[in-house]
């Protein structure tokens, strides 16, 4: 068997026993995480909150770094084994401060779940000039993972999960102009390339990290009803996608086919805990399984959520992955040496 997933060599569904309707509670059944430590970015809202609840209930200690501490404290109250810390993925200094604090605790890190993300936002930039979706959805997770690398190694068996998206199909990574300095800004192009980057990062991290017992995965949660990911999306864009009617309301027949939040968190939990992945890494997953490679055989329709699946070969390309790693070090100023 191949020992890496370059070019999608391992991108084949397995007999996971789960499907698109499986919930996170079903996936975690029978698994004890007592003594395990997890960090879940964005672990106080949406599928991140469900992920935190499920991991905590299974015995894990869950650290939730959040930009909005008041919201995090409110949403996470009465959940056991949770620690709330301050961090803003748009602010590199904030990422460093959080990471240094965790490293100083001398604890191992068994699960790093890069869940936080933004979508459909107008053009914004962080203090380094990086476009906000790229900064939040990818560069922040690259920096965070790099800074936490000593704790991941210390776990003697860790997993890094990048919560990506089908949205990676909207755009490959634009190496010539990642920050939209020379091309017109299109928010879905920005989102798409940030998720492609997340896939490529998991691919390369797994290949570099597996000798240190650190495996990495990227995943699509599915089309989920009830998250606040699209809170800034213009309603006209929803209409163009065919998911909403002329009045701006989601079509009942579309809503009925969307995943619930417990179903949306299922793939995260599967990637975090499944023994089927003990010797497989760098793969892109969906529906609590390894996704199929999209070679143009899938007809995608946004008003038919079950067709929103598959992974593009360009987001599993070895040359792209290595090139992006080098570029990410340049853009963040963070040298990520896996040794």
Protein backbone atom coordinates (compact mmCIF):
# COMPACT_ATOMS: atom_id res chain seq x y z
CA UNK A 1 0.00 0.00 0.00
CA UNK A 2 1.11 3.58 -0.67
CA UNK A 3 2.41 5.34 2.43
CA UNK A 4 1.16 8.78 1.42
CA UNK A 5 -1.87 10.24 -0.33
CA UNK A 6 -0.08 12.26 -2.99
CA UNK A 7 -2.20 12.40 -6.14
CA UNK A 8 -5.03 10.73 -4.18
CA UNK A 9 -3.26 7.36 -3.94
CA UNK A 10 -5.21 6.45 -0.76
CA UNK A 11 -8.39 8.33 -1.63
CA UNK A 12 -10.76 5.35 -1.51
CA UNK A 13 -13.83 4.97 0.74
CA UNK A 14 -13.56 2.28 3.41
CA UNK A 15 -16.19 0.24 5.20
CA UNK A 16 -16.63 2.72 8.05
CA UNK A 17 -20.10 1.57 9.01
CA UNK A 18 -21.37 5.15 8.85
CA UNK A 19 -22.97 7.39 6.23
CA UNK A 20 -24.23 10.91 5.57
CA UNK A 21 -26.95 10.65 8.21
CA UNK A 22 -24.69 9.35 11.00
CA UNK A 23 -24.30 11.64 14.00
CA UNK A 24 -21.26 12.46 16.08
CA UNK A 25 -22.79 10.60 19.04
CA UNK A 26 -23.11 7.46 16.95
CA UNK A 27 -19.52 7.73 15.74
CA UNK A 28 -18.06 8.17 19.24
CA UNK A 29 -20.03 5.30 20.76
CA UNK A 30 -17.81 2.94 22.74
CA UNK A 31 -14.72 5.18 22.52
CA UNK A 32 -13.06 6.38 25.73
CA UNK A 33 -10.93 9.53 25.47
CA UNK A 34 -10.07 9.82 29.16
CA UNK A 35 -6.64 11.39 29.52
CA UNK A 36 -6.62 12.77 25.99
CA UNK A 37 -6.20 16.50 25.34
CA UNK A 38 -7.80 18.26 22.39
CA UNK A 39 -7.71 21.80 21.05
CA UNK A 40 -10.75 22.79 18.97
CA UNK A 41 -10.62 26.18 17.27
CA UNK A 42 -14.10 27.62 16.88
CA UNK A 43 -15.20 25.02 19.40
CA UNK A 44 -17.91 27.24 20.84
CA UNK A 45 -20.29 27.55 17.86
CA UNK A 46 -21.92 25.33 15.26
CA UNK A 47 -20.27 22.02 14.48
CA UNK A 48 -17.29 23.09 16.57
CA UNK A 49 -19.50 23.32 19.64
CA UNK A 50 -20.94 19.88 18.93
CA UNK A 51 -17.40 18.56 18.52
CA UNK A 52 -16.44 19.99 21.90
CA UNK A 53 -19.49 18.45 23.58
CA UNK A 54 -18.84 15.01 22.09
CA UNK A 55 -15.13 14.95 22.94
CA UNK A 56 -15.81 16.17 26.47
CA UNK A 57 -18.51 13.56 27.05
CA UNK A 58 -16.04 10.87 25.95
CA UNK A 59 -13.60 12.00 28.65
CA UNK A 60 -11.23 14.31 26.78
CA UNK A 61 -10.02 17.64 28.10
CA UNK A 62 -10.94 20.21 25.44
CA UNK A 63 -9.26 23.59 25.09
CA UNK A 64 -11.28 26.08 23.08
CA UNK A 65 -9.38 29.17 21.90
CA UNK A 66 -11.88 31.85 20.92
CA UNK A 67 -11.88 35.41 19.62
CA UNK A 68 -15.16 36.24 21.38
CA UNK A 69 -14.58 35.10 24.96
CA UNK A 70 -18.01 36.18 26.22
CA UNK A 71 -19.75 34.12 23.55
CA UNK A 72 -17.50 31.16 24.27
CA UNK A 73 -18.15 31.32 28.01
CA UNK A 74 -21.90 31.50 27.43
CA UNK A 75 -22.04 28.64 24.92
CA UNK A 76 -19.71 26.33 26.81
CA UNK A 77 -21.15 26.69 30.28
CA UNK A 78 -22.08 23.42 31.96
CA UNK A 79 -19.82 21.39 29.65
CA UNK A 80 -17.24 19.41 31.64
CA UNK A 81 -13.50 19.30 30.99
CA UNK A 82 -13.43 22.50 28.92
CA UNK A 83 -10.83 25.28 29.10
CA UNK A 84 -11.47 28.58 27.31
CA UNK A 85 -8.59 30.70 26.08
CA UNK A 86 -8.22 33.83 23.97
CA UNK A 87 -7.03 33.61 20.35
CA UNK A 88 -7.78 35.33 17.05
CA UNK A 89 -6.60 33.46 13.95
CA UNK A 90 -6.47 36.76 12.05
CA UNK A 91 -3.83 38.03 14.49
CA UNK A 92 -0.49 36.17 14.28
CA UNK A 93 0.65 37.56 17.64
CA UNK A 94 -2.50 36.17 19.25
CA UNK A 95 -1.82 32.72 17.75
CA UNK A 96 1.72 32.80 19.11
CA UNK A 97 0.58 33.89 22.58
CA UNK A 98 -1.97 31.07 22.84
CA UNK A 99 0.51 28.50 21.55
CA UNK A 100 3.26 29.59 23.93
CA UNK A 101 0.87 29.33 26.86
CA UNK A 102 -0.11 25.77 25.91
CA UNK A 103 3.50 24.71 25.29
CA UNK A 104 4.41 26.12 28.72
CA UNK A 105 1.87 23.78 30.33
CA UNK A 106 4.11 20.88 29.18
CA UNK A 107 1.06 18.84 28.25
CA UNK A 108 0.88 16.55 25.23
CA UNK A 109 -1.64 17.39 22.51
CA UNK A 110 -3.51 14.38 21.14
CA UNK A 111 -5.98 16.17 18.89
CA UNK A 112 -5.65 19.51 17.13
CA UNK A 113 -8.91 20.26 15.37
CA UNK A 114 -8.57 23.28 13.11
CA UNK A 115 -12.29 23.90 12.90
CA UNK A 116 -12.67 27.69 12.90
CA UNK A 117 -13.41 29.37 9.61
CA UNK A 118 -15.14 32.22 7.80
CA UNK A 119 -16.91 32.43 4.45
CA UNK A 120 -18.63 34.87 2.08
CA UNK A 121 -16.98 37.94 3.57
CA UNK A 122 -16.08 41.21 1.82
CA UNK A 123 -12.42 41.98 1.16
CA UNK A 124 -10.57 42.42 4.43
CA UNK A 125 -6.93 41.99 5.35
CA UNK A 126 -5.05 41.21 8.53
CA UNK A 127 -2.14 43.27 9.83
CA UNK A 128 0.26 41.43 7.51
CA UNK A 129 -1.87 42.28 4.49
CA UNK A 130 -3.24 38.78 3.97
CA UNK A 131 -6.82 38.35 2.72
CA UNK A 132 -9.04 37.44 5.65
CA UNK A 133 -10.37 34.07 4.46
CA UNK A 134 -6.86 32.89 3.63
CA UNK A 135 -5.56 34.24 6.95
CA UNK A 136 -8.31 32.67 9.06
CA UNK A 137 -9.02 29.44 7.22
CA UNK A 138 -5.47 28.51 6.38
CA UNK A 139 -2.50 30.67 7.38
CA UNK A 140 -3.69 30.83 10.98
CA UNK A 141 -4.02 27.05 11.17
CA UNK A 142 -0.58 26.60 9.57
CA UNK A 143 1.00 28.89 12.18
CA UNK A 144 -0.95 27.32 15.06
CA UNK A 145 0.01 23.78 14.05
CA UNK A 146 3.64 24.76 13.62
CA UNK A 147 3.80 26.38 17.05
CA UNK A 148 2.10 23.40 18.72
CA UNK A 149 4.29 20.82 16.98
CA UNK A 150 6.35 19.97 20.13
CA UNK A 151 3.15 19.11 22.02
CA UNK A 152 1.81 17.04 19.12
CA UNK A 153 5.03 15.01 19.08
CA UNK A 154 4.87 14.59 22.85
CA UNK A 155 1.49 12.82 22.55
CA UNK A 156 3.18 9.80 20.92
CA UNK A 157 0.14 9.42 18.69
CA UNK A 158 -1.64 12.59 17.63
CA UNK A 159 -4.01 13.66 14.89
CA UNK A 160 -4.41 17.05 13.22
CA UNK A 161 -7.77 17.67 11.56
CA UNK A 162 -8.38 20.52 9.15
CA UNK A 163 -12.09 21.17 8.76
CA UNK A 164 -12.13 22.02 5.09
CA UNK A 165 -15.08 22.15 2.73
CA UNK A 166 -16.53 21.08 -0.58
CA UNK A 167 -15.84 24.75 -1.29
CA UNK A 168 -12.29 23.76 -2.23
CA UNK A 169 -13.84 22.79 -5.57
CA UNK A 170 -14.51 26.47 -6.24
CA UNK A 171 -10.84 27.34 -6.73
CA UNK A 172 -7.37 25.86 -6.78
CA UNK A 173 -4.72 27.75 -4.83
CA UNK A 174 -3.55 30.83 -6.71
CA UNK A 175 0.21 30.92 -6.17
CA UNK A 176 0.63 34.03 -8.31
CA UNK A 177 -1.82 36.23 -6.40
CA UNK A 178 -3.12 34.58 -3.20
CA UNK A 179 -4.00 37.92 -1.59
CA UNK A 180 -5.94 39.46 -4.49
CA UNK A 181 -3.46 42.25 -5.02
CA UNK A 182 -3.68 42.12 -8.81
CA UNK A 183 -7.03 40.47 -9.54
CA UNK A 184 -10.58 41.48 -8.69
CA UNK A 185 -11.75 40.10 -5.36
CA UNK A 186 -14.33 37.34 -5.55
CA UNK A 187 -15.27 36.06 -2.13
CA UNK A 188 -15.96 32.48 -3.23
CA UNK A 189 -12.60 32.34 -5.02
CA UNK A 190 -10.99 33.44 -1.78
CA UNK A 191 -12.89 30.86 0.21
CA UNK A 192 -12.19 28.12 -2.29
CA UNK A 193 -8.45 28.64 -2.40
CA UNK A 194 -8.27 28.80 1.41
CA UNK A 195 -9.91 25.37 1.65
CA UNK A 196 -7.74 23.94 -1.12
CA UNK A 197 -4.78 25.17 0.93
CA UNK A 198 -6.15 23.42 4.00
CA UNK A 199 -6.34 20.13 2.08
CA UNK A 200 -2.81 20.51 0.72
CA UNK A 201 -1.51 21.31 4.20
CA UNK A 202 -3.03 18.15 5.71
CA UNK A 203 -1.59 16.13 2.84
CA UNK A 204 1.95 17.41 3.32
CA UNK A 205 1.81 17.51 7.13
CA UNK A 206 0.82 13.86 7.23
CA UNK A 207 3.70 12.83 5.02
CA UNK A 208 6.20 14.79 7.10
CA UNK A 209 4.66 13.98 10.47
CA UNK A 210 3.88 10.28 10.29
CA UNK A 211 7.37 9.24 11.45
CA UNK A 212 6.64 11.18 14.64
CA UNK A 213 3.24 9.45 15.05
CA UNK A 214 1.36 12.58 13.99
CA UNK A 215 -1.25 11.97 11.29
CA UNK A 216 -3.24 14.66 9.49
CA UNK A 217 -6.61 14.77 7.71
CA UNK A 218 -8.85 17.26 5.95
CA UNK A 219 -12.61 16.91 5.85
CA UNK A 220 -15.90 18.26 4.54
CA UNK A 221 -18.61 18.36 7.25
CA UNK A 222 -21.38 18.34 4.66
CA UNK A 223 -24.03 20.93 3.87
CA UNK A 224 -25.21 21.75 7.38
CA UNK A 225 -28.32 23.63 8.49
CA UNK A 226 -28.09 25.99 11.44
CA UNK A 227 -24.47 27.19 11.48
CA UNK A 228 -23.54 30.87 11.23
CA UNK A 229 -20.93 30.38 8.52
CA UNK A 230 -23.01 32.22 5.92
CA UNK A 231 -24.00 35.11 8.15
CA UNK A 232 -22.42 37.70 5.84
CA UNK A 233 -23.42 36.16 2.52
CA UNK A 234 -25.55 38.38 0.27
CA UNK A 235 -28.97 36.79 -0.12
CA UNK A 236 -28.68 37.21 -3.90
CA UNK A 237 -25.85 34.70 -3.90
CA UNK A 238 -28.03 32.14 -2.12
CA UNK A 239 -30.68 32.70 -4.77
CA UNK A 240 -28.16 32.16 -7.56
CA UNK A 241 -27.12 28.88 -6.00
CA UNK A 242 -30.74 27.76 -6.19
CA UNK A 243 -31.09 27.14 -2.46
CA UNK A 244 -33.35 30.09 -1.63
CA UNK A 245 -36.57 31.43 -3.14
CA UNK A 246 -37.30 34.93 -4.43
CA UNK A 247 -38.18 36.18 -0.94
CA UNK A 248 -34.81 35.05 0.41
CA UNK A 249 -36.09 32.07 2.39
CA UNK A 250 -34.39 28.71 2.12
CA UNK A 251 -36.47 26.31 0.05
CA UNK A 252 -38.14 23.70 2.31
CA UNK A 253 -37.12 20.86 0.00
CA UNK A 254 -33.47 21.98 0.29
CA UNK A 255 -33.60 22.48 4.06
CA UNK A 256 -35.01 18.98 4.48
CA UNK A 257 -31.93 17.49 2.81
CA UNK A 258 -29.32 19.43 4.78
CA UNK A 259 -27.41 17.84 7.63
CA UNK A 260 -28.15 18.67 11.24
CA UNK A 261 -25.31 19.99 13.37
CA UNK A 262 -24.83 16.57 15.08
CA UNK A 263 -24.56 15.02 11.61
CA UNK A 264 -22.21 17.77 10.49
CA UNK A 265 -19.79 17.01 13.34
CA UNK A 266 -19.75 13.27 12.62
CA UNK A 267 -16.88 13.34 10.13
CA UNK A 268 -14.71 15.38 12.48
CA UNK A 269 -15.27 12.85 15.25
CA UNK A 270 -14.66 9.94 12.88
CA UNK A 271 -11.36 11.39 11.70
CA UNK A 272 -10.37 12.09 15.30
CA UNK A 273 -11.09 8.62 16.64
CA UNK A 274 -11.51 5.91 14.00
CA UNK A 275 -9.08 3.00 14.25
CA UNK A 276 -9.53 2.56 10.48
CA UNK A 277 -7.29 5.61 10.08
CA UNK A 278 -4.50 4.38 12.35
CA UNK A 279 -2.30 3.65 9.33
CA UNK A 280 -3.87 5.98 6.74
CA UNK A 281 -3.29 9.72 6.65
CA UNK A 282 -3.36 12.73 4.40
CA UNK A 283 -6.81 11.82 3.11
CA UNK A 284 -9.83 14.08 2.62
CA UNK A 285 -12.94 12.73 4.30
CA UNK A 286 -16.70 13.26 4.22
CA UNK A 287 -19.81 11.46 5.52
CA UNK A 288 -17.68 9.71 8.19
CA UNK A 289 -15.58 8.03 5.51
CA UNK A 290 -12.75 8.69 3.09
CA UNK A 291 -14.16 10.65 0.15
CA UNK A 292 -13.92 9.59 -3.45
CA UNK A 293 -11.64 11.39 -5.87
CA UNK A 294 -13.66 13.67 -8.16
CA UNK A 295 -12.51 12.99 -11.70
CA UNK A 296 -15.44 14.82 -13.27
CA UNK A 297 -17.90 11.97 -12.79
CA UNK A 298 -20.04 13.74 -10.17
CA UNK A 299 -22.80 16.18 -11.17
CA UNK A 300 -22.84 18.85 -8.47
CA UNK A 301 -26.00 20.81 -7.64
CA UNK A 302 -26.24 23.13 -4.67
CA UNK A 303 -29.98 22.51 -4.39
CA UNK A 304 -29.23 18.79 -4.04
CA UNK A 305 -26.84 18.55 -1.06
CA UNK A 306 -26.09 14.86 -1.59
CA UNK A 307 -24.22 15.79 -4.80
CA UNK A 308 -21.93 18.21 -2.94
CA UNK A 309 -19.15 15.69 -2.44
CA UNK A 310 -15.79 14.46 -3.71
CA UNK A 311 -12.28 15.89 -3.64
CA UNK A 312 -10.43 17.61 -6.44
CA UNK A 313 -7.07 16.13 -7.51
CA UNK A 314 -5.42 19.57 -7.47
CA UNK A 315 -5.90 19.70 -3.69
CA UNK A 316 -4.00 16.42 -3.28
CA UNK A 317 -1.11 17.25 -5.59
CA UNK A 318 2.40 16.64 -4.24
CA UNK A 319 4.04 19.54 -6.07
CA UNK A 320 1.31 21.97 -4.98
CA UNK A 321 1.56 20.74 -1.38
CA UNK A 322 5.31 21.21 -1.13
CA UNK A 323 5.17 24.57 -2.89
CA UNK A 324 2.43 25.78 -0.56
CA UNK A 325 4.39 24.72 2.53
CA UNK A 326 7.33 26.87 1.44
CA UNK A 327 5.07 29.79 0.54
CA UNK A 328 3.24 29.52 3.87
CA UNK A 329 6.52 29.85 5.75
CA UNK A 330 7.30 32.97 3.74
CA UNK A 331 3.85 34.51 4.22
CA UNK A 332 3.66 33.84 7.96
CA UNK A 333 7.35 34.21 8.79
CA UNK A 334 7.04 30.90 10.65
CA UNK A 335 9.54 28.18 9.78
CA UNK A 336 7.78 24.84 10.33
CA UNK A 337 10.48 22.23 10.61
CA UNK A 338 9.02 18.79 11.23
CA UNK A 339 11.81 17.17 13.22
